[in-house]
Amino acid sequence: MPSYRVSIGVGLLHPGVDPAGVVPAAASAARELATVESSDLAVAHGEARISVRFTVADDEHALAVGQHVVAAVDRLGDTSRPTLDRRAGPRWTAVR
């Protein structure tokens, strides 16, 4: 089964949102529709980015999972530049 990664830039959180709960919330949203492999938070080019890796059968299902994760994180704070990539051997390629 193919591996996918949704990545979302996260900015200002909404009042009352615990920063420690944002990555687990993103992973939980993905877990509702897919098998989650990993999740993490990194800072790239001065921007906090959440990444959730998961497996599903095809790109169509992956798009649905990615949209579900982005919607969940949108409810917690400002988001930007979501991406969805598929692992093809050692490389990640964008899913359109």
PDB file of N, CA and C in Angstrom:
ATOM      1  N   MET A   1       0.857  -1.181   0.000  1.00  0.00           N
ATOM      2  CA  MET A   1       0.000   0.000   0.000  1.00  0.00           C
ATOM      3  C   MET A   1       0.896   1.235   0.000  1.00  0.00           C
ATOM      4  N   PRO A   2       0.564   2.240  -0.828  1.00  0.00           N
ATOM      5  CA  PRO A   2       1.404   3.441  -0.925  1.00  0.00           C
ATOM      6  C   PRO A   2       1.410   4.264   0.367  1.00  0.00           C
ATOM      7  N   SER A   3       2.526   4.943   0.570  1.00  0.00           N
ATOM      8  CA  SER A   3       2.694   5.848   1.704  1.00  0.00           C
ATOM      9  C   SER A   3       2.536   7.279   1.214  1.00  0.00           C
ATOM     10  N   TYR A   4       1.824   8.083   1.990  1.00  0.00           N
ATOM     11  CA  TYR A   4       1.567   9.481   1.659  1.00  0.00           C
ATOM     12  C   TYR A   4       1.965  10.364   2.831  1.00  0.00           C
ATOM     13  N   ARG A   5       2.149  11.656   2.545  1.00  0.00           N
ATOM     14  CA  ARG A   5       2.483  12.627   3.587  1.00  0.00           C
ATOM     15  C   ARG A   5       1.713  13.912   3.316  1.00  0.00           C
ATOM     16  N   VAL A   6       0.930  14.348   4.313  1.00  0.00           N
ATOM     17  CA  VAL A   6       0.301  15.653   4.242  1.00  0.00           C
ATOM     18  C   VAL A   6       1.114  16.574   5.148  1.00  0.00           C
ATOM     19  N   SER A   7       1.418  17.768   4.647  1.00  0.00           N
ATOM     20  CA  SER A   7       2.205  18.743   5.391  1.00  0.00           C
ATOM     21  C   SER A   7       1.454  20.068   5.367  1.00  0.00           C
ATOM     22  N   ILE A   8       1.378  20.715   6.533  1.00  0.00           N
ATOM     23  CA  ILE A   8       0.581  21.934   6.680  1.00  0.00           C
ATOM     24  C   ILE A   8       1.374  22.957   7.482  1.00  0.00           C
ATOM     25  N   GLY A   9       1.470  24.173   6.972  1.00  0.00           N
ATOM     26  CA  GLY A   9       2.056  25.258   7.741  1.00  0.00           C
ATOM     27  C   GLY A   9       1.067  25.704   8.802  1.00  0.00           C
ATOM     28  N   VAL A  10       1.578  25.938  10.014  1.00  0.00           N
ATOM     29  CA  VAL A  10       0.708  26.348  11.126  1.00  0.00           C
ATOM     30  C   VAL A  10       1.230  27.652  11.707  1.00  0.00           C
ATOM     31  N   GLY A  11       0.320  28.619  11.812  1.00  0.00           N
ATOM     32  CA  GLY A  11       0.682  29.913  12.373  1.00  0.00           C
ATOM     33  C   GLY A  11       0.032  30.114  13.735  1.00  0.00           C
ATOM     34  N   LEU A  12      -0.609  31.243  13.885  1.00  0.00           N
ATOM     35  CA  LEU A  12      -1.250  31.612  15.142  1.00  0.00           C
ATOM     36  C   LEU A  12      -2.387  30.652  15.470  1.00  0.00           C
ATOM     37  N   LEU A  13      -2.362  30.119  16.688  1.00  0.00           N
ATOM     38  CA  LEU A  13      -3.432  29.220  17.124  1.00  0.00           C
ATOM     39  C   LEU A  13      -4.602  30.033  17.666  1.00  0.00           C
ATOM     40  N   HIS A  14      -5.797  29.456  17.578  1.00  0.00           N
ATOM     41  CA  HIS A  14      -6.979  30.113  18.109  1.00  0.00           C
ATOM     42  C   HIS A  14      -6.906  30.163  19.634  1.00  0.00           C
ATOM     43  N   PRO A  15      -7.545  31.163  20.256  1.00  0.00           N
ATOM     44  CA  PRO A  15      -7.522  31.270  21.719  1.00  0.00           C
ATOM     45  C   PRO A  15      -7.981  29.971  22.375  1.00  0.00           C
ATOM     46  N   GLY A  16      -7.240  29.558  23.397  1.00  0.00           N
ATOM     47  CA  GLY A  16      -7.593  28.371  24.164  1.00  0.00           C
ATOM     48  C   GLY A  16      -7.055  27.065  23.612  1.00  0.00           C
ATOM     49  N   VAL A  17      -6.432  27.095  22.433  1.00  0.00           N
ATOM     50  CA  VAL A  17      -5.890  25.866  21.845  1.00  0.00           C
ATOM     51  C   VAL A  17      -4.526  25.585  22.474  1.00  0.00           C
ATOM     52  N   ASP A  18      -4.358  24.377  22.983  1.00  0.00           N
ATOM     53  CA  ASP A  18      -3.097  23.948  23.576  1.00  0.00           C
ATOM     54  C   ASP A  18      -2.131  23.578  22.450  1.00  0.00           C
ATOM     55  N   PRO A  19      -1.000  24.258  22.339  1.00  0.00           N
ATOM     56  CA  PRO A  19      -0.053  23.942  21.261  1.00  0.00           C
ATOM     57  C   PRO A  19       0.375  22.473  21.246  1.00  0.00           C
ATOM     58  N   ALA A  20       0.468  21.865  22.398  1.00  0.00           N
ATOM     59  CA  ALA A  20       0.893  20.467  22.465  1.00  0.00           C
ATOM     60  C   ALA A  20      -0.133  19.511  21.870  1.00  0.00           C
ATOM     61  N   GLY A  21      -1.347  19.970  21.651  1.00  0.00           N
ATOM     62  CA  GLY A  21      -2.386  19.104  21.127  1.00  0.00           C
ATOM     63  C   GLY A  21      -2.590  19.167  19.624  1.00  0.00           C
ATOM     64  N   VAL A  22      -1.877  20.057  18.939  1.00  0.00           N
ATOM     65  CA  VAL A  22      -2.129  20.253  17.515  1.00  0.00           C
ATOM     66  C   VAL A  22      -1.644  19.067  16.679  1.00  0.00           C
ATOM     67  N   VAL A  23      -0.424  18.605  16.896  1.00  0.00           N
ATOM     68  CA  VAL A  23       0.080  17.458  16.128  1.00  0.00           C
ATOM     69  C   VAL A  23      -0.751  16.203  16.416  1.00  0.00           C
ATOM     70  N   PRO A  24      -1.043  15.892  17.696  1.00  0.00           N
ATOM     71  CA  PRO A  24      -1.903  14.733  17.950  1.00  0.00           C
ATOM     72  C   PRO A  24      -3.286  14.859  17.302  1.00  0.00           C
ATOM     73  N   ALA A  25      -3.826  16.064  17.234  1.00  0.00           N
ATOM     74  CA  ALA A  25      -5.132  16.255  16.588  1.00  0.00           C
ATOM     75  C   ALA A  25      -5.043  15.980  15.087  1.00  0.00           C
ATOM     76  N   ALA A  26      -3.958  16.403  14.458  1.00  0.00           N
ATOM     77  CA  ALA A  26      -3.766  16.138  13.030  1.00  0.00           C
ATOM     78  C   ALA A  26      -3.641  14.637  12.782  1.00  0.00           C
ATOM     79  N   ALA A  27      -2.863  13.957  13.601  1.00  0.00           N
ATOM     80  CA  ALA A  27      -2.693  12.510  13.454  1.00  0.00           C
ATOM     81  C   ALA A  27      -4.001  11.773  13.713  1.00  0.00           C
ATOM     82  N   SER A  28      -4.755  12.231  14.692  1.00  0.00           N
ATOM     83  CA  SER A  28      -6.042  11.611  15.010  1.00  0.00           C
ATOM     84  C   SER A  28      -7.020  11.746  13.844  1.00  0.00           C
ATOM     85  N   ALA A  29      -7.018  12.914  13.201  1.00  0.00           N
ATOM     86  CA  ALA A  29      -7.895  13.117  12.038  1.00  0.00           C
ATOM     87  C   ALA A  29      -7.523  12.152  10.923  1.00  0.00           C
ATOM     88  N   ALA A  30      -6.234  11.990  10.658  1.00  0.00           N
ATOM     89  CA  ALA A  30      -5.797  11.052   9.621  1.00  0.00           C
ATOM     90  C   ALA A  30      -6.166   9.627   9.996  1.00  0.00           C
ATOM     91  N   ARG A  31      -6.018   9.300  11.266  1.00  0.00           N
ATOM     92  CA  ARG A  31      -6.298   7.944  11.753  1.00  0.00           C
ATOM     93  C   ARG A  31      -7.769   7.554  11.573  1.00  0.00           C
ATOM     94  N   GLU A  32      -8.654   8.540  11.473  1.00  0.00           N
ATOM     95  CA  GLU A  32     -10.069   8.244  11.242  1.00  0.00           C
ATOM     96  C   GLU A  32     -10.297   7.612   9.870  1.00  0.00           C
ATOM     97  N   LEU A  33      -9.378   7.878   8.906  1.00  0.00           N
ATOM     98  CA  LEU A  33      -9.572   7.422   7.529  1.00  0.00           C
ATOM     99  C   LEU A  33      -8.443   6.553   6.989  1.00  0.00           C
ATOM    100  N   ALA A  34      -7.332   6.448   7.719  1.00  0.00           N
ATOM    101  CA  ALA A  34      -6.155   5.765   7.183  1.00  0.00           C
ATOM    102  C   ALA A  34      -5.319   5.186   8.321  1.00  0.00           C
ATOM    103  N   THR A  35      -4.311   4.430   7.950  1.00  0.00           N
ATOM    104  CA  THR A  35      -3.324   3.943   8.916  1.00  0.00           C
ATOM    105  C   THR A  35      -2.211   4.975   8.992  1.00  0.00           C
ATOM    106  N   VAL A  36      -1.982   5.523  10.179  1.00  0.00           N
ATOM    107  CA  VAL A  36      -0.964   6.557  10.370  1.00  0.00           C
ATOM    108  C   VAL A  36       0.376   5.895  10.659  1.00  0.00           C
ATOM    109  N   GLU A  37       1.398   6.319   9.925  1.00  0.00           N
ATOM    110  CA  GLU A  37       2.754   5.814  10.121  1.00  0.00           C
ATOM    111  C   GLU A  37       3.543   6.679  11.103  1.00  0.00           C
ATOM    112  N   SER A  38       3.385   8.003  10.997  1.00  0.00           N
ATOM    113  CA  SER A  38       4.110   8.915  11.889  1.00  0.00           C
ATOM    114  C   SER A  38       3.517  10.316  11.778  1.00  0.00           C
ATOM    115  N   SER A  39       3.875  11.140  12.741  1.00  0.00           N
ATOM    116  CA  SER A  39       3.489  12.553  12.713  1.00  0.00           C
ATOM    117  C   SER A  39       4.567  13.343  13.434  1.00  0.00           C
ATOM    118  N   ASP A  40       4.784  14.578  12.977  1.00  0.00           N
ATOM    119  CA  ASP A  40       5.776  15.405  13.650  1.00  0.00           C
ATOM    120  C   ASP A  40       5.572  16.880  13.328  1.00  0.00           C
ATOM    121  N   LEU A  41       6.343  17.689  14.024  1.00  0.00           N
ATOM    122  CA  LEU A  41       6.349  19.134  13.837  1.00  0.00           C
ATOM    123  C   LEU A  41       7.785  19.541  13.579  1.00  0.00           C
ATOM    124  N   ALA A  42       7.999  20.336  12.557  1.00  0.00           N
ATOM    125  CA  ALA A  42       9.334  20.836  12.234  1.00  0.00           C
ATOM    126  C   ALA A  42       9.220  22.306  11.854  1.00  0.00           C
ATOM    127  N   VAL A  43      10.330  22.995  11.937  1.00  0.00           N
ATOM    128  CA  VAL A  43      10.382  24.381  11.484  1.00  0.00           C
ATOM    129  C   VAL A  43      11.236  24.412  10.225  1.00  0.00           C
ATOM    130  N   ALA A  44      10.629  24.857   9.141  1.00  0.00           N
ATOM    131  CA  ALA A  44      11.332  24.950   7.861  1.00  0.00           C
ATOM    132  C   ALA A  44      11.186  26.359   7.322  1.00  0.00           C
ATOM    133  N   HIS A  45      12.299  27.012   7.064  1.00  0.00           N
ATOM    134  CA  HIS A  45      12.289  28.376   6.526  1.00  0.00           C
ATOM    135  C   HIS A  45      11.469  29.313   7.408  1.00  0.00           C
ATOM    136  N   GLY A  46      11.589  29.148   8.723  1.00  0.00           N
ATOM    137  CA  GLY A  46      10.913  30.010   9.679  1.00  0.00           C
ATOM    138  C   GLY A  46       9.437  29.722   9.880  1.00  0.00           C
ATOM    139  N   GLU A  47       8.949  28.623   9.315  1.00  0.00           N
ATOM    140  CA  GLU A  47       7.529  28.279   9.426  1.00  0.00           C
ATOM    141  C   GLU A  47       7.375  26.935  10.121  1.00  0.00           C
ATOM    142  N   ALA A  48       6.477  26.896  11.107  1.00  0.00           N
ATOM    143  CA  ALA A  48       6.145  25.619  11.739  1.00  0.00           C
ATOM    144  C   ALA A  48       5.301  24.809  10.763  1.00  0.00           C
ATOM    145  N   ARG A  49       5.666  23.525  10.572  1.00  0.00           N
ATOM    146  CA  ARG A  49       4.932  22.654   9.658  1.00  0.00           C
ATOM    147  C   ARG A  49       4.668  21.321  10.331  1.00  0.00           C
ATOM    148  N   ILE A  50       3.400  20.929  10.268  1.00  0.00           N
ATOM    149  CA  ILE A  50       2.992  19.616  10.751  1.00  0.00           C
ATOM    150  C   ILE A  50       3.023  18.662   9.568  1.00  0.00           C
ATOM    151  N   SER A  51       3.559  17.470   9.781  1.00  0.00           N
ATOM    152  CA  SER A  51       3.540  16.425   8.757  1.00  0.00           C
ATOM    153  C   SER A  51       2.943  15.166   9.358  1.00  0.00           C
ATOM    154  N   VAL A  52       2.059  14.552   8.597  1.00  0.00           N
ATOM    155  CA  VAL A  52       1.466  13.271   8.992  1.00  0.00           C
ATOM    156  C   VAL A  52       1.660  12.307   7.841  1.00  0.00           C
ATOM    157  N   ARG A  53       2.337  11.182   8.108  1.00  0.00           N
ATOM    158  CA  ARG A  53       2.515  10.130   7.102  1.00  0.00           C
ATOM    159  C   ARG A  53       1.471   9.056   7.342  1.00  0.00           C
ATOM    160  N   PHE A  54       0.910   8.545   6.236  1.00  0.00           N
ATOM    161  CA  PHE A  54      -0.150   7.546   6.353  1.00  0.00           C
ATOM    162  C   PHE A  54      -0.165   6.666   5.110  1.00  0.00           C
ATOM    163  N   THR A  55      -0.852   5.549   5.213  1.00  0.00           N
ATOM    164  CA  THR A  55      -1.007   4.656   4.064  1.00  0.00           C
ATOM    165  C   THR A  55      -2.483   4.509   3.723  1.00  0.00           C
ATOM    166  N   VAL A  56      -2.756   4.520   2.434  1.00  0.00           N
ATOM    167  CA  VAL A  56      -4.081   4.240   1.873  1.00  0.00           C
ATOM    168  C   VAL A  56      -3.863   3.592   0.508  1.00  0.00           C
ATOM    169  N   ALA A  57      -4.937   3.133  -0.106  1.00  0.00           N
ATOM    170  CA  ALA A  57      -4.833   2.367  -1.340  1.00  0.00           C
ATOM    171  C   ALA A  57      -4.471   3.193  -2.577  1.00  0.00           C
ATOM    172  N   ASP A  58      -4.914   4.467  -2.637  1.00  0.00           N
ATOM    173  CA  ASP A  58      -4.715   5.210  -3.883  1.00  0.00           C
ATOM    174  C   ASP A  58      -4.749   6.717  -3.643  1.00  0.00           C
ATOM    175  N   ASP A  59      -4.423   7.466  -4.701  1.00  0.00           N
ATOM    176  CA  ASP A  59      -4.355   8.932  -4.612  1.00  0.00           C
ATOM    177  C   ASP A  59      -5.698   9.552  -4.236  1.00  0.00           C
ATOM    178  N   GLU A  60      -6.790   9.018  -4.754  1.00  0.00           N
ATOM    179  CA  GLU A  60      -8.114   9.567  -4.453  1.00  0.00           C
ATOM    180  C   GLU A  60      -8.397   9.512  -2.951  1.00  0.00           C
ATOM    181  N   HIS A  61      -8.111   8.374  -2.349  1.00  0.00           N
ATOM    182  CA  HIS A  61      -8.313   8.224  -0.908  1.00  0.00           C
ATOM    183  C   HIS A  61      -7.344   9.140  -0.152  1.00  0.00           C
ATOM    184  N   ALA A  62      -6.120   9.238  -0.640  1.00  0.00           N
ATOM    185  CA  ALA A  62      -5.128  10.102   0.008  1.00  0.00           C
ATOM    186  C   ALA A  62      -5.569  11.564  -0.002  1.00  0.00           C
ATOM    187  N   LEU A  63      -6.167  12.006  -1.104  1.00  0.00           N
ATOM    188  CA  LEU A  63      -6.668  13.384  -1.170  1.00  0.00           C
ATOM    189  C   LEU A  63      -7.744  13.623  -0.118  1.00  0.00           C
ATOM    190  N   ALA A  64      -8.628  12.644   0.065  1.00  0.00           N
ATOM    191  CA  ALA A  64      -9.676  12.775   1.081  1.00  0.00           C
ATOM    192  C   ALA A  64      -9.066  12.850   2.477  1.00  0.00           C
ATOM    193  N   VAL A  65      -8.062  12.022   2.749  1.00  0.00           N
ATOM    194  CA  VAL A  65      -7.398  12.051   4.054  1.00  0.00           C
ATOM    195  C   VAL A  65      -6.713  13.398   4.246  1.00  0.00           C
ATOM    196  N   GLY A  66      -5.989  13.855   3.229  1.00  0.00           N
ATOM    197  CA  GLY A  66      -5.303  15.142   3.331  1.00  0.00           C
ATOM    198  C   GLY A  66      -6.255  16.290   3.617  1.00  0.00           C
ATOM    199  N   GLN A  67      -7.382  16.321   2.911  1.00  0.00           N
ATOM    200  CA  GLN A  67      -8.375  17.372   3.144  1.00  0.00           C
ATOM    201  C   GLN A  67      -8.950  17.293   4.553  1.00  0.00           C
ATOM    202  N   HIS A  68      -9.152  16.085   5.041  1.00  0.00           N
ATOM    203  CA  HIS A  68      -9.698  15.888   6.394  1.00  0.00           C
ATOM    204  C   HIS A  68      -8.715  16.400   7.451  1.00  0.00           C
ATOM    205  N   VAL A  69      -7.435  16.125   7.261  1.00  0.00           N
ATOM    206  CA  VAL A  69      -6.410  16.587   8.201  1.00  0.00           C
ATOM    207  C   VAL A  69      -6.312  18.106   8.163  1.00  0.00           C
ATOM    208  N   VAL A  70      -6.291  18.691   6.980  1.00  0.00           N
ATOM    209  CA  VAL A  70      -6.216  20.153   6.863  1.00  0.00           C
ATOM    210  C   VAL A  70      -7.426  20.802   7.543  1.00  0.00           C
ATOM    211  N   ALA A  71      -8.606  20.254   7.345  1.00  0.00           N
ATOM    212  CA  ALA A  71      -9.811  20.804   7.982  1.00  0.00           C
ATOM    213  C   ALA A  71      -9.708  20.731   9.503  1.00  0.00           C
ATOM    214  N   ALA A  72      -9.174  19.641  10.020  1.00  0.00           N
ATOM    215  CA  ALA A  72      -9.028  19.494  11.479  1.00  0.00           C
ATOM    216  C   ALA A  72      -8.058  20.530  12.037  1.00  0.00           C
ATOM    217  N   VAL A  73      -6.946  20.754  11.350  1.00  0.00           N
ATOM    218  CA  VAL A  73      -5.958  21.723  11.831  1.00  0.00           C
ATOM    219  C   VAL A  73      -6.476  23.150  11.641  1.00  0.00           C
ATOM    220  N   ASP A  74      -7.250  23.398  10.577  1.00  0.00           N
ATOM    221  CA  ASP A  74      -7.872  24.716  10.364  1.00  0.00           C
ATOM    222  C   ASP A  74      -8.741  25.127  11.550  1.00  0.00           C
ATOM    223  N   ARG A  75      -9.375  24.153  12.186  1.00  0.00           N
ATOM    224  CA  ARG A  75     -10.229  24.465  13.342  1.00  0.00           C
ATOM    225  C   ARG A  75      -9.409  24.891  14.565  1.00  0.00           C
ATOM    226  N   LEU A  76      -8.099  24.644  14.530  1.00  0.00           N
ATOM    227  CA  LEU A  76      -7.243  24.948  15.676  1.00  0.00           C
ATOM    228  C   LEU A  76      -6.444  26.232  15.509  1.00  0.00           C
ATOM    229  N   GLY A  77      -6.224  26.650  14.273  1.00  0.00           N
ATOM    230  CA  GLY A  77      -5.426  27.855  14.053  1.00  0.00           C
ATOM    231  C   GLY A  77      -5.281  28.167  12.584  1.00  0.00           C
ATOM    232  N   ASP A  78      -4.435  29.164  12.317  1.00  0.00           N
ATOM    233  CA  ASP A  78      -4.179  29.585  10.943  1.00  0.00           C
ATOM    234  C   ASP A  78      -3.276  28.558  10.254  1.00  0.00           C
ATOM    235  N   THR A  79      -3.649  28.175   9.044  1.00  0.00           N
ATOM    236  CA  THR A  79      -2.843  27.224   8.289  1.00  0.00           C
ATOM    237  C   THR A  79      -2.449  27.830   6.947  1.00  0.00           C
ATOM    238  N   SER A  80      -1.397  27.273   6.359  1.00  0.00           N
ATOM    239  CA  SER A  80      -0.955  27.752   5.059  1.00  0.00           C
ATOM    240  C   SER A  80      -0.274  26.629   4.292  1.00  0.00           C
ATOM    241  N   ARG A  81      -0.275  26.767   3.008  1.00  0.00           N
ATOM    242  CA  ARG A  81       0.454  25.922   2.067  1.00  0.00           C
ATOM    243  C   ARG A  81       0.394  24.425   2.355  1.00  0.00           C
ATOM    244  N   PRO A  82      -0.792  23.846   2.397  1.00  0.00           N
ATOM    245  CA  PRO A  82      -0.844  22.387   2.578  1.00  0.00           C
ATOM    246  C   PRO A  82      -0.323  21.678   1.329  1.00  0.00           C
ATOM    247  N   THR A  83       0.383  20.589   1.536  1.00  0.00           N
ATOM    248  CA  THR A  83       0.860  19.770   0.423  1.00  0.00           C
ATOM    249  C   THR A  83       0.535  18.309   0.705  1.00  0.00           C
ATOM    250  N   LEU A  84       0.412  17.536  -0.357  1.00  0.00           N
ATOM    251  CA  LEU A  84       0.203  16.098  -0.247  1.00  0.00           C
ATOM    252  C   LEU A  84       1.174  15.426  -1.197  1.00  0.00           C
ATOM    253  N   ASP A  85       1.981  14.529  -0.662  1.00  0.00           N
ATOM    254  CA  ASP A  85       2.987  13.829  -1.445  1.00  0.00           C
ATOM    255  C   ASP A  85       2.830  12.325  -1.303  1.00  0.00           C
ATOM    256  N   ARG A  86       3.244  11.602  -2.356  1.00  0.00           N
ATOM    257  CA  ARG A  86       3.245  10.135  -2.365  1.00  0.00           C
ATOM    258  C   ARG A  86       4.696   9.670  -2.420  1.00  0.00           C
ATOM    259  N   ARG A  87       4.991   8.649  -1.648  1.00  0.00           N
ATOM    260  CA  ARG A  87       6.332   8.093  -1.682  1.00  0.00           C
ATOM    261  C   ARG A  87       6.444   7.129  -2.848  1.00  0.00           C
ATOM    262  N   ALA A  88       7.465   7.365  -3.675  1.00  0.00           N
ATOM    263  CA  ALA A  88       7.751   6.501  -4.817  1.00  0.00           C
ATOM    264  C   ALA A  88       9.211   6.094  -4.695  1.00  0.00           C
ATOM    265  N   GLY A  89       9.467   4.935  -4.106  1.00  0.00           N
ATOM    266  CA  GLY A  89      10.842   4.530  -3.833  1.00  0.00           C
ATOM    267  C   GLY A  89      11.426   5.449  -2.774  1.00  0.00           C
ATOM    268  N   PRO A  90      12.606   5.996  -3.029  1.00  0.00           N
ATOM    269  CA  PRO A  90      13.232   6.888  -2.029  1.00  0.00           C
ATOM    270  C   PRO A  90      12.746   8.336  -2.123  1.00  0.00           C
ATOM    271  N   ARG A  91      11.880   8.638  -3.097  1.00  0.00           N
ATOM    272  CA  ARG A  91      11.485  10.030  -3.334  1.00  0.00           C
ATOM    273  C   ARG A  91      10.010  10.266  -2.982  1.00  0.00           C
ATOM    274  N   TRP A  92       9.725  11.528  -2.677  1.00  0.00           N
ATOM    275  CA  TRP A  92       8.357  11.980  -2.483  1.00  0.00           C
ATOM    276  C   TRP A  92       7.968  12.786  -3.714  1.00  0.00           C
ATOM    277  N   THR A  93       6.780  12.514  -4.274  1.00  0.00           N
ATOM    278  CA  THR A  93       6.285  13.274  -5.414  1.00  0.00           C
ATOM    279  C   THR A  93       4.906  13.853  -5.078  1.00  0.00           C
ATOM    280  N   ALA A  94       4.650  15.033  -5.581  1.00  0.00           N
ATOM    281  CA  ALA A  94       3.395  15.714  -5.285  1.00  0.00           C
ATOM    282  C   ALA A  94       2.207  14.973  -5.888  1.00  0.00           C
ATOM    283  N   VAL A  95       1.123  14.928  -5.141  1.00  0.00           N
ATOM    284  CA  VAL A  95      -0.147  14.384  -5.615  1.00  0.00           C
ATOM    285  C   VAL A  95      -0.989  15.575  -6.035  1.00  0.00           C
ATOM    286  N   ARG A  96      -1.551  15.547  -7.198  1.00  0.00           N
ATOM    287  CA  ARG A  96      -2.338  16.688  -7.669  1.00  0.00           C
ATOM    288  C   ARG A  96      -3.800  16.425  -7.530  1.00  0.00           C
TER     289      ARG A  96
END
